[in-house]
Amino acid sequence: MARLHPNGPKPAQITAGRIGLYAFLVVAALFFLLPLYTMVVTSLKSMPEIRLGQIFALPATLDFSAWATAWSGACMGTVCVGIRSGFWNSVAITLPSVALSVFIGAVNGYALSLWRPRGANLLFGLLMAGGLIPYQIFLYPMVRAMANIDLYNSLAGIILVHVIFGLPLVTLLFRNYFLSVPEELCKAARVDGAGFWRIFFEIMLPIAVPMVVVVSMLQFTGIWNDFLLGLVFAGRDNLPMTVQLNNIVNTTMGERTYNVNMAATILTAIVPLAIYFLSGRWFVRGIAAGAVKG
């Protein structure tokens, strides 16, 4: 047996590899944090201070007026209502889209992994093939289909589009997760009289909580940050935050208000960032569980 250090664990030795690793991590962190820092300090400056051109300098005085303007007064064309309405539109689009896609994907993965109906492999292959095709190819057929069923330019239509495009990935993740569950568990539940839905809700879904967290975070981030689908399918009254941010940044009346643009950008990104910061531990646990079980 290896002898323990008399004064506790032996301190880690400083090697060239360890120095290189920390140097890479510091550079990578600066690479991603520097743009965020620039946006924050710019949003807290007044326009006369921004014109000085010292983009990395801290603001002389903290000025939160740009944040208030971005939220409720920034102009999109001739309408100056800020990005507030886009926030609530994004909430109304994202929450039901995530809930429906996660639930349907979990049912699909459960059925394809443990019940395996006739043609399950063919259905799974077609679903994955559809998921590998760039969704831009489907835009025009989807527009025509949505128009034929009176869902184009509506809240229900954009939710349905996000659910459809999210199902391949969600189904794949849940199918791989459920494949690790012993079939004997499902068979024993059937012997006790449990059916498809009772097994799913009382046995499989509680087991898959880590994967539910991972899939929900992936879906939430993808849907919240989406621009193209929201622009095409949501309609003028349901434009998400990303589309309204683009309209604010590209609207210029007199001078370009960089502080307002930066504040609006941070307001758009703050929700998914907060979710990752608050749920990062659950996300890592879910990824690790999926890697072991999948």
C-alpha atoms as a PDB file:
ATOM      1  CA  MET A   1       0.000   0.000   0.000  1.00  0.00           C
ATOM      2  CA  ALA A   2       1.119   3.564  -0.761  1.00  0.00           C
ATOM      3  CA  ARG A   3       2.224   5.467   2.329  1.00  0.00           C
ATOM      4  CA  LEU A   4       0.307   8.625   3.193  1.00  0.00           C
ATOM      5  CA  HIS A   5       2.105  11.893   3.673  1.00  0.00           C
ATOM      6  CA  PRO A   6       2.706  12.377   7.457  1.00  0.00           C
ATOM      7  CA  ASN A   7       1.123  15.847   7.422  1.00  0.00           C
ATOM      8  CA  GLY A   8      -1.902  14.974   5.307  1.00  0.00           C
ATOM      9  CA  PRO A   9      -2.376  14.704   1.546  1.00  0.00           C
ATOM     10  CA  LYS A  10       0.722  15.435  -0.481  1.00  0.00           C
ATOM     11  CA  PRO A  11       0.441  18.854  -2.130  1.00  0.00           C
ATOM     12  CA  ALA A  12       0.084  18.860  -5.899  1.00  0.00           C
ATOM     13  CA  GLN A  13       3.324  19.516  -7.707  1.00  0.00           C
ATOM     14  CA  ILE A  14       3.603  22.463 -10.076  1.00  0.00           C
ATOM     15  CA  THR A  15       4.462  21.083 -13.494  1.00  0.00           C
ATOM     16  CA  ALA A  16       4.666  22.552 -16.960  1.00  0.00           C
ATOM     17  CA  GLY A  17       1.507  20.688 -17.946  1.00  0.00           C
ATOM     18  CA  ARG A  18      -0.438  22.085 -14.992  1.00  0.00           C
ATOM     19  CA  ILE A  19       0.753  25.622 -15.744  1.00  0.00           C
ATOM     20  CA  GLY A  20      -0.258  25.213 -19.384  1.00  0.00           C
ATOM     21  CA  LEU A  21      -3.682  23.907 -18.359  1.00  0.00           C
ATOM     22  CA  TYR A  22      -4.390  26.862 -16.075  1.00  0.00           C
ATOM     23  CA  ALA A  23      -3.072  29.285 -18.682  1.00  0.00           C
ATOM     24  CA  PHE A  24      -5.446  27.822 -21.270  1.00  0.00           C
ATOM     25  CA  LEU A  25      -8.396  28.024 -18.853  1.00  0.00           C
ATOM     26  CA  VAL A  26      -7.624  31.666 -18.043  1.00  0.00           C
ATOM     27  CA  VAL A  27      -7.358  32.583 -21.735  1.00  0.00           C
ATOM     28  CA  ALA A  28     -10.573  30.718 -22.560  1.00  0.00           C
ATOM     29  CA  ALA A  29     -12.408  32.455 -19.696  1.00  0.00           C
ATOM     30  CA  LEU A  30     -11.172  35.871 -20.836  1.00  0.00           C
ATOM     31  CA  PHE A  31     -12.202  35.078 -24.411  1.00  0.00           C
ATOM     32  CA  PHE A  32     -15.812  34.547 -23.347  1.00  0.00           C
ATOM     33  CA  LEU A  33     -16.009  37.053 -20.474  1.00  0.00           C
ATOM     34  CA  LEU A  34     -14.448  40.046 -22.231  1.00  0.00           C
ATOM     35  CA  PRO A  35     -17.423  40.612 -24.595  1.00  0.00           C
ATOM     36  CA  LEU A  36     -19.807  40.290 -21.634  1.00  0.00           C
ATOM     37  CA  TYR A  37     -17.769  42.793 -19.639  1.00  0.00           C
ATOM     38  CA  THR A  38     -17.779  45.198 -22.584  1.00  0.00           C
ATOM     39  CA  MET A  39     -21.545  44.953 -22.947  1.00  0.00           C
ATOM     40  CA  VAL A  40     -22.162  45.520 -19.235  1.00  0.00           C
ATOM     41  CA  VAL A  41     -19.895  48.559 -18.878  1.00  0.00           C
ATOM     42  CA  THR A  42     -21.184  50.066 -22.135  1.00  0.00           C
ATOM     43  CA  SER A  43     -24.802  49.679 -20.997  1.00  0.00           C
ATOM     44  CA  LEU A  44     -23.962  51.617 -17.800  1.00  0.00           C
ATOM     45  CA  LYS A  45     -22.370  54.584 -19.591  1.00  0.00           C
ATOM     46  CA  SER A  46     -23.969  57.695 -21.026  1.00  0.00           C
ATOM     47  CA  MET A  47     -23.609  58.431 -24.728  1.00  0.00           C
ATOM     48  CA  PRO A  48     -21.104  61.312 -24.219  1.00  0.00           C
ATOM     49  CA  GLU A  49     -18.878  58.908 -22.273  1.00  0.00           C
ATOM     50  CA  ILE A  50     -19.221  56.212 -24.937  1.00  0.00           C
ATOM     51  CA  ARG A  51     -18.079  58.685 -27.608  1.00  0.00           C
ATOM     52  CA  LEU A  52     -14.705  58.917 -25.854  1.00  0.00           C
ATOM     53  CA  GLY A  53     -13.934  55.501 -27.331  1.00  0.00           C
ATOM     54  CA  GLN A  54     -12.656  53.912 -24.113  1.00  0.00           C
ATOM     55  CA  ILE A  55     -14.693  50.741 -24.400  1.00  0.00           C
ATOM     56  CA  PHE A  56     -12.886  48.823 -21.638  1.00  0.00           C
ATOM     57  CA  ALA A  57     -12.927  51.666 -19.107  1.00  0.00           C
ATOM     58  CA  LEU A  58     -15.326  51.513 -16.187  1.00  0.00           C
ATOM     59  CA  PRO A  59     -18.170  54.045 -16.273  1.00  0.00           C
ATOM     60  CA  ALA A  60     -17.461  57.316 -14.480  1.00  0.00           C
ATOM     61  CA  THR A  61     -20.953  57.166 -12.962  1.00  0.00           C
ATOM     62  CA  LEU A  62     -23.431  54.323 -13.077  1.00  0.00           C
ATOM     63  CA  ASP A  63     -26.264  55.242 -15.418  1.00  0.00           C
ATOM     64  CA  PHE A  64     -29.173  52.782 -15.563  1.00  0.00           C
ATOM     65  CA  SER A  65     -31.301  54.897 -17.870  1.00  0.00           C
ATOM     66  CA  ALA A  66     -30.299  52.786 -20.880  1.00  0.00           C
ATOM     67  CA  TRP A  67     -31.715  49.694 -19.151  1.00  0.00           C
ATOM     68  CA  ALA A  68     -35.041  51.410 -18.519  1.00  0.00           C
ATOM     69  CA  THR A  69     -35.154  52.612 -22.122  1.00  0.00           C
ATOM     70  CA  ALA A  70     -34.294  49.155 -23.474  1.00  0.00           C
ATOM     71  CA  TRP A  71     -37.051  47.567 -21.384  1.00  0.00           C
ATOM     72  CA  SER A  72     -39.905  49.965 -22.052  1.00  0.00           C
ATOM     73  CA  GLY A  73     -38.865  52.758 -24.429  1.00  0.00           C
ATOM     74  CA  ALA A  74     -36.549  51.513 -27.178  1.00  0.00           C
ATOM     75  CA  CYS A  75     -37.839  52.015 -30.702  1.00  0.00           C
ATOM     76  CA  MET A  76     -38.609  49.321 -33.267  1.00  0.00           C
ATOM     77  CA  GLY A  77     -39.302  51.317 -36.352  1.00  0.00           C
ATOM     78  CA  THR A  78     -41.876  53.940 -35.337  1.00  0.00           C
ATOM     79  CA  VAL A  79     -43.091  52.014 -32.276  1.00  0.00           C
ATOM     80  CA  CYS A  80     -41.187  52.782 -29.069  1.00  0.00           C
ATOM     81  CA  VAL A  81     -42.334  50.261 -26.460  1.00  0.00           C
ATOM     82  CA  GLY A  82     -39.032  48.579 -25.634  1.00  0.00           C
ATOM     83  CA  ILE A  83     -38.285  44.900 -25.437  1.00  0.00           C
ATOM     84  CA  ARG A  84     -40.789  44.217 -22.649  1.00  0.00           C
ATOM     85  CA  SER A  85     -43.493  42.789 -24.908  1.00  0.00           C
ATOM     86  CA  GLY A  86     -40.952  40.501 -26.567  1.00  0.00           C
ATOM     87  CA  PHE A  87     -40.009  39.101 -23.160  1.00  0.00           C
ATOM     88  CA  TRP A  88     -43.574  38.024 -22.405  1.00  0.00           C
ATOM     89  CA  ASN A  89     -43.959  36.687 -25.940  1.00  0.00           C
ATOM     90  CA  SER A  90     -40.838  34.570 -25.445  1.00  0.00           C
ATOM     91  CA  VAL A  91     -42.207  33.274 -22.147  1.00  0.00           C
ATOM     92  CA  ALA A  92     -45.531  32.387 -23.778  1.00  0.00           C
ATOM     93  CA  ILE A  93     -43.712  30.581 -26.611  1.00  0.00           C
ATOM     94  CA  THR A  94     -40.962  28.838 -24.656  1.00  0.00           C
ATOM     95  CA  LEU A  95     -42.741  27.362 -21.630  1.00  0.00           C
ATOM     96  CA  PRO A  96     -45.449  25.360 -23.461  1.00  0.00           C
ATOM     97  CA  SER A  97     -42.994  24.400 -26.222  1.00  0.00           C
ATOM     98  CA  VAL A  98     -40.545  22.971 -23.698  1.00  0.00           C
ATOM     99  CA  ALA A  99     -43.253  21.183 -21.695  1.00  0.00           C
ATOM    100  CA  LEU A 100     -44.864  19.584 -24.761  1.00  0.00           C
ATOM    101  CA  SER A 101     -41.629  18.579 -26.494  1.00  0.00           C
ATOM    102  CA  VAL A 102     -40.167  17.055 -23.314  1.00  0.00           C
ATOM    103  CA  PHE A 103     -43.357  15.131 -22.518  1.00  0.00           C
ATOM    104  CA  ILE A 104     -43.915  13.815 -26.053  1.00  0.00           C
ATOM    105  CA  GLY A 105     -40.200  13.025 -26.479  1.00  0.00           C
ATOM    106  CA  ALA A 106     -40.167  11.121 -23.189  1.00  0.00           C
ATOM    107  CA  VAL A 107     -43.212   9.068 -24.250  1.00  0.00           C
ATOM    108  CA  ASN A 108     -41.617   8.374 -27.646  1.00  0.00           C
ATOM    109  CA  GLY A 109     -38.317   7.326 -26.101  1.00  0.00           C
ATOM    110  CA  TYR A 110     -40.096   5.119 -23.571  1.00  0.00           C
ATOM    111  CA  ALA A 111     -42.211   3.427 -26.238  1.00  0.00           C
ATOM    112  CA  LEU A 112     -39.309   2.914 -28.663  1.00  0.00           C
ATOM    113  CA  SER A 113     -36.936   1.541 -26.021  1.00  0.00           C
ATOM    114  CA  LEU A 114     -39.093  -0.714 -23.831  1.00  0.00           C
ATOM    115  CA  TRP A 115     -42.324  -1.496 -25.668  1.00  0.00           C
ATOM    116  CA  ARG A 116     -40.875  -1.640 -29.179  1.00  0.00           C
ATOM    117  CA  PRO A 117     -44.011  -1.738 -31.324  1.00  0.00           C
ATOM    118  CA  ARG A 118     -43.893  -3.164 -34.825  1.00  0.00           C
ATOM    119  CA  GLY A 119     -41.824  -0.894 -37.062  1.00  0.00           C
ATOM    120  CA  ALA A 120     -40.239   0.903 -34.102  1.00  0.00           C
ATOM    121  CA  ASN A 121     -36.753   0.835 -35.631  1.00  0.00           C
ATOM    122  CA  LEU A 122     -38.060   2.214 -38.916  1.00  0.00           C
ATOM    123  CA  LEU A 123     -39.966   4.992 -37.153  1.00  0.00           C
ATOM    124  CA  PHE A 124     -36.928   5.875 -35.076  1.00  0.00           C
ATOM    125  CA  GLY A 125     -34.721   5.938 -38.162  1.00  0.00           C
ATOM    126  CA  LEU A 126     -37.121   8.232 -40.017  1.00  0.00           C
ATOM    127  CA  LEU A 127     -37.332  10.523 -36.995  1.00  0.00           C
ATOM    128  CA  MET A 128     -33.558  10.780 -36.751  1.00  0.00           C
ATOM    129  CA  ALA A 129     -33.222  11.313 -40.510  1.00  0.00           C
ATOM    130  CA  GLY A 130     -35.660  14.204 -40.283  1.00  0.00           C
ATOM    131  CA  GLY A 131     -33.694  15.656 -37.389  1.00  0.00           C
ATOM    132  CA  LEU A 132     -30.445  15.608 -39.395  1.00  0.00           C
ATOM    133  CA  ILE A 133     -31.879  17.626 -42.280  1.00  0.00           C
ATOM    134  CA  PRO A 134     -31.378  21.409 -41.856  1.00  0.00           C
ATOM    135  CA  TYR A 135     -34.693  22.873 -40.777  1.00  0.00           C
ATOM    136  CA  GLN A 136     -34.318  25.754 -43.246  1.00  0.00           C
ATOM    137  CA  ILE A 137     -35.272  23.249 -45.943  1.00  0.00           C
ATOM    138  CA  PHE A 138     -38.652  22.715 -44.267  1.00  0.00           C
ATOM    139  CA  LEU A 139     -39.536  26.390 -43.914  1.00  0.00           C
ATOM    140  CA  TYR A 140     -41.599  26.830 -47.065  1.00  0.00           C
ATOM    141  CA  PRO A 141     -43.527  23.517 -46.748  1.00  0.00           C
ATOM    142  CA  MET A 142     -44.164  24.307 -43.080  1.00  0.00           C
ATOM    143  CA  VAL A 143     -45.432  27.791 -43.948  1.00  0.00           C
ATOM    144  CA  ARG A 144     -47.868  26.312 -46.480  1.00  0.00           C
ATOM    145  CA  ALA A 145     -48.985  23.606 -44.048  1.00  0.00           C
ATOM    146  CA  MET A 146     -49.516  26.089 -41.217  1.00  0.00           C
ATOM    147  CA  ALA A 147     -51.454  28.409 -43.510  1.00  0.00           C
ATOM    148  CA  ASN A 148     -53.731  25.535 -44.604  1.00  0.00           C
ATOM    149  CA  ILE A 149     -54.674  24.738 -41.003  1.00  0.00           C
ATOM    150  CA  ASP A 150     -54.986  28.429 -39.979  1.00  0.00           C
ATOM    151  CA  LEU A 151     -52.042  28.352 -37.564  1.00  0.00           C
ATOM    152  CA  TYR A 152     -49.631  30.547 -39.491  1.00  0.00           C
ATOM    153  CA  ASN A 153     -48.670  33.794 -37.702  1.00  0.00           C
ATOM    154  CA  SER A 154     -50.155  32.564 -34.424  1.00  0.00           C
ATOM    155  CA  LEU A 155     -48.916  31.635 -30.964  1.00  0.00           C
ATOM    156  CA  ALA A 156     -50.174  28.060 -31.323  1.00  0.00           C
ATOM    157  CA  GLY A 157     -48.400  27.769 -34.670  1.00  0.00           C
ATOM    158  CA  ILE A 158     -44.953  28.783 -33.420  1.00  0.00           C
ATOM    159  CA  ILE A 159     -45.347  26.476 -30.394  1.00  0.00           C
ATOM    160  CA  LEU A 160     -46.232  23.572 -32.693  1.00  0.00           C
ATOM    161  CA  VAL A 161     -43.217  24.302 -34.919  1.00  0.00           C
ATOM    162  CA  HIS A 162     -40.812  24.298 -31.965  1.00  0.00           C
ATOM    163  CA  VAL A 163     -42.281  21.037 -30.658  1.00  0.00           C
ATOM    164  CA  ILE A 164     -41.914  19.351 -34.069  1.00  0.00           C
ATOM    165  CA  PHE A 165     -38.317  20.452 -34.575  1.00  0.00           C
ATOM    166  CA  GLY A 166     -37.343  19.531 -31.015  1.00  0.00           C
ATOM    167  CA  LEU A 167     -38.748  15.998 -31.019  1.00  0.00           C
ATOM    168  CA  PRO A 168     -35.870  14.173 -32.814  1.00  0.00           C
ATOM    169  CA  LEU A 169     -33.203  15.222 -30.294  1.00  0.00           C
ATOM    170  CA  VAL A 170     -35.480  14.804 -27.278  1.00  0.00           C
ATOM    171  CA  THR A 171     -36.627  11.364 -28.414  1.00  0.00           C
ATOM    172  CA  LEU A 172     -33.037  10.254 -29.023  1.00  0.00           C
ATOM    173  CA  LEU A 173     -31.885  11.322 -25.556  1.00  0.00           C
ATOM    174  CA  PHE A 174     -34.793   9.675 -23.752  1.00  0.00           C
ATOM    175  CA  ARG A 175     -34.577   6.489 -25.837  1.00  0.00           C
ATOM    176  CA  ASN A 176     -30.887   6.070 -25.007  1.00  0.00           C
ATOM    177  CA  TYR A 177     -31.601   6.743 -21.352  1.00  0.00           C
ATOM    178  CA  PHE A 178     -34.490   4.274 -21.096  1.00  0.00           C
ATOM    179  CA  LEU A 179     -32.505   1.549 -22.867  1.00  0.00           C
ATOM    180  CA  SER A 180     -30.432   1.194 -19.698  1.00  0.00           C
ATOM    181  CA  VAL A 181     -33.507   0.368 -17.592  1.00  0.00           C
ATOM    182  CA  PRO A 182     -33.768  -3.431 -17.067  1.00  0.00           C
ATOM    183  CA  GLU A 183     -36.625  -4.918 -19.071  1.00  0.00           C
ATOM    184  CA  GLU A 184     -37.455  -7.104 -16.063  1.00  0.00           C
ATOM    185  CA  LEU A 185     -38.656  -4.005 -14.229  1.00  0.00           C
ATOM    186  CA  CYS A 186     -41.177  -3.269 -16.950  1.00  0.00           C
ATOM    187  CA  LYS A 187     -42.224  -6.917 -17.213  1.00  0.00           C
ATOM    188  CA  ALA A 188     -42.740  -7.166 -13.455  1.00  0.00           C
ATOM    189  CA  ALA A 189     -44.954  -4.082 -13.549  1.00  0.00           C
ATOM    190  CA  ARG A 190     -47.006  -5.642 -16.346  1.00  0.00           C
ATOM    191  CA  VAL A 191     -47.458  -8.804 -14.302  1.00  0.00           C
ATOM    192  CA  ASP A 192     -48.794  -6.645 -11.467  1.00  0.00           C
ATOM    193  CA  GLY A 193     -51.384  -5.214 -13.842  1.00  0.00           C
ATOM    194  CA  ALA A 194     -49.727  -1.905 -14.734  1.00  0.00           C
ATOM    195  CA  GLY A 195     -50.336  -0.641 -18.239  1.00  0.00           C
ATOM    196  CA  PHE A 196     -48.412   1.608 -20.606  1.00  0.00           C
ATOM    197  CA  TRP A 197     -49.238   4.917 -18.929  1.00  0.00           C
ATOM    198  CA  ARG A 198     -49.007   3.735 -15.325  1.00  0.00           C
ATOM    199  CA  ILE A 199     -45.537   2.294 -15.915  1.00  0.00           C
ATOM    200  CA  PHE A 200     -44.494   5.527 -17.600  1.00  0.00           C
ATOM    201  CA  PHE A 201     -45.735   7.925 -14.917  1.00  0.00           C
ATOM    202  CA  GLU A 202     -44.993   5.865 -11.798  1.00  0.00           C
ATOM    203  CA  ILE A 203     -41.739   4.112 -12.755  1.00  0.00           C
ATOM    204  CA  MET A 204     -39.996   5.475 -15.853  1.00  0.00           C
ATOM    205  CA  LEU A 205     -40.562   9.206 -15.474  1.00  0.00           C
ATOM    206  CA  PRO A 206     -39.260   9.374 -11.869  1.00  0.00           C
ATOM    207  CA  ILE A 207     -36.188   7.393 -12.963  1.00  0.00           C
ATOM    208  CA  ALA A 208     -35.547   9.840 -15.803  1.00  0.00           C
ATOM    209  CA  VAL A 209     -35.603  13.063 -13.738  1.00  0.00           C
ATOM    210  CA  PRO A 210     -31.907  13.851 -14.480  1.00  0.00           C
ATOM    211  CA  MET A 211     -32.541  13.510 -18.215  1.00  0.00           C
ATOM    212  CA  VAL A 212     -35.713  15.593 -17.947  1.00  0.00           C
ATOM    213  CA  VAL A 213     -33.617  18.417 -16.468  1.00  0.00           C
ATOM    214  CA  VAL A 214     -30.989  18.163 -19.224  1.00  0.00           C
ATOM    215  CA  VAL A 215     -33.510  18.045 -22.048  1.00  0.00           C
ATOM    216  CA  SER A 216     -35.562  20.877 -20.566  1.00  0.00           C
ATOM    217  CA  MET A 217     -32.505  23.129 -20.336  1.00  0.00           C
ATOM    218  CA  LEU A 218     -31.421  22.306 -23.884  1.00  0.00           C
ATOM    219  CA  GLN A 219     -34.892  22.920 -25.256  1.00  0.00           C
ATOM    220  CA  PHE A 220     -35.401  26.092 -23.245  1.00  0.00           C
ATOM    221  CA  THR A 221     -32.111  27.585 -24.414  1.00  0.00           C
ATOM    222  CA  GLY A 222     -32.678  26.628 -28.049  1.00  0.00           C
ATOM    223  CA  ILE A 223     -36.236  27.962 -28.174  1.00  0.00           C
ATOM    224  CA  TRP A 224     -35.531  31.155 -26.213  1.00  0.00           C
ATOM    225  CA  ASN A 225     -32.533  32.001 -28.430  1.00  0.00           C
ATOM    226  CA  ASP A 226     -34.303  31.120 -31.683  1.00  0.00           C
ATOM    227  CA  PHE A 227     -34.594  33.903 -34.244  1.00  0.00           C
ATOM    228  CA  LEU A 228     -35.515  32.412 -37.620  1.00  0.00           C
ATOM    229  CA  LEU A 229     -38.534  30.321 -36.630  1.00  0.00           C
ATOM    230  CA  GLY A 230     -39.922  33.131 -34.496  1.00  0.00           C
ATOM    231  CA  LEU A 231     -39.505  35.585 -37.350  1.00  0.00           C
ATOM    232  CA  VAL A 232     -41.232  33.308 -39.881  1.00  0.00           C
ATOM    233  CA  PHE A 233     -44.039  31.669 -37.874  1.00  0.00           C
ATOM    234  CA  ALA A 234     -44.865  33.810 -34.812  1.00  0.00           C
ATOM    235  CA  GLY A 235     -46.603  36.749 -36.466  1.00  0.00           C
ATOM    236  CA  ARG A 236     -46.291  40.442 -35.639  1.00  0.00           C
ATOM    237  CA  ASP A 237     -48.195  40.200 -32.351  1.00  0.00           C
ATOM    238  CA  ASN A 238     -46.118  37.269 -31.020  1.00  0.00           C
ATOM    239  CA  LEU A 239     -42.559  38.191 -32.009  1.00  0.00           C
ATOM    240  CA  PRO A 240     -40.072  36.738 -29.495  1.00  0.00           C
ATOM    241  CA  MET A 241     -37.414  38.741 -27.722  1.00  0.00           C
ATOM    242  CA  THR A 242     -34.654  37.876 -30.199  1.00  0.00           C
ATOM    243  CA  VAL A 243     -36.605  39.267 -33.151  1.00  0.00           C
ATOM    244  CA  GLN A 244     -37.472  42.442 -31.269  1.00  0.00           C
ATOM    245  CA  LEU A 245     -33.817  42.821 -30.246  1.00  0.00           C
ATOM    246  CA  ASN A 246     -32.827  42.700 -33.910  1.00  0.00           C
ATOM    247  CA  ASN A 247     -35.438  45.348 -34.697  1.00  0.00           C
ATOM    248  CA  ILE A 248     -34.180  47.606 -31.892  1.00  0.00           C
ATOM    249  CA  VAL A 249     -30.524  47.313 -32.913  1.00  0.00           C
ATOM    250  CA  ASN A 250     -31.324  48.042 -36.560  1.00  0.00           C
ATOM    251  CA  THR A 251     -33.540  51.054 -35.793  1.00  0.00           C
ATOM    252  CA  THR A 252     -31.627  54.342 -35.826  1.00  0.00           C
ATOM    253  CA  MET A 253     -33.144  57.745 -35.125  1.00  0.00           C
ATOM    254  CA  GLY A 254     -30.386  60.346 -35.058  1.00  0.00           C
ATOM    255  CA  GLU A 255     -27.445  58.752 -33.248  1.00  0.00           C
ATOM    256  CA  ARG A 256     -27.043  55.047 -32.571  1.00  0.00           C
ATOM    257  CA  THR A 257     -27.577  54.425 -28.857  1.00  0.00           C
ATOM    258  CA  TYR A 258     -25.018  51.747 -28.110  1.00  0.00           C
ATOM    259  CA  ASN A 259     -25.814  51.717 -24.394  1.00  0.00           C
ATOM    260  CA  VAL A 260     -29.472  50.914 -25.094  1.00  0.00           C
ATOM    261  CA  ASN A 261     -28.490  48.224 -27.609  1.00  0.00           C
ATOM    262  CA  MET A 262     -26.145  46.579 -25.104  1.00  0.00           C
ATOM    263  CA  ALA A 263     -28.746  46.720 -22.329  1.00  0.00           C
ATOM    264  CA  ALA A 264     -31.368  45.159 -24.608  1.00  0.00           C
ATOM    265  CA  THR A 265     -28.904  42.399 -25.563  1.00  0.00           C
ATOM    266  CA  ILE A 266     -28.181  41.561 -21.931  1.00  0.00           C
ATOM    267  CA  LEU A 267     -31.885  41.566 -21.064  1.00  0.00           C
ATOM    268  CA  THR A 268     -32.483  39.091 -23.890  1.00  0.00           C
ATOM    269  CA  ALA A 269     -29.699  36.748 -22.755  1.00  0.00           C
ATOM    270  CA  ILE A 270     -30.149  37.008 -18.997  1.00  0.00           C
ATOM    271  CA  VAL A 271     -32.907  34.370 -18.669  1.00  0.00           C
ATOM    272  CA  PRO A 272     -31.010  31.387 -20.183  1.00  0.00           C
ATOM    273  CA  LEU A 273     -27.837  32.537 -18.399  1.00  0.00           C
ATOM    274  CA  ALA A 274     -29.678  32.583 -15.073  1.00  0.00           C
ATOM    275  CA  ILE A 275     -31.086  29.113 -15.714  1.00  0.00           C
ATOM    276  CA  TYR A 276     -27.630  27.696 -16.400  1.00  0.00           C
ATOM    277  CA  PHE A 277     -26.145  29.363 -13.324  1.00  0.00           C
ATOM    278  CA  LEU A 278     -28.975  28.211 -11.054  1.00  0.00           C
ATOM    279  CA  SER A 279     -29.354  24.694 -12.526  1.00  0.00           C
ATOM    280  CA  GLY A 280     -25.802  23.940 -13.599  1.00  0.00           C
ATOM    281  CA  ARG A 281     -25.338  21.232 -10.979  1.00  0.00           C
ATOM    282  CA  TRP A 282     -28.490  19.423 -12.142  1.00  0.00           C
ATOM    283  CA  PHE A 283     -27.375  19.765 -15.755  1.00  0.00           C
ATOM    284  CA  VAL A 284     -23.983  18.171 -15.035  1.00  0.00           C
ATOM    285  CA  ARG A 285     -25.639  15.353 -13.065  1.00  0.00           C
ATOM    286  CA  GLY A 286     -28.047  14.669 -15.911  1.00  0.00           C
ATOM    287  CA  ILE A 287     -25.291  14.649 -18.526  1.00  0.00           C
ATOM    288  CA  ALA A 288     -23.207  12.291 -16.382  1.00  0.00           C
ATOM    289  CA  ALA A 289     -26.173   9.994 -15.788  1.00  0.00           C
ATOM    290  CA  GLY A 290     -26.968   9.934 -19.487  1.00  0.00           C
ATOM    291  CA  ALA A 291     -23.366   9.180 -20.373  1.00  0.00           C
ATOM    292  CA  VAL A 292     -23.254   6.250 -17.957  1.00  0.00           C
ATOM    293  CA  LYS A 293     -26.706   4.886 -18.723  1.00  0.00           C
ATOM    294  CA  GLY A 294     -27.019   5.673 -22.430  1.00  0.00           C
END
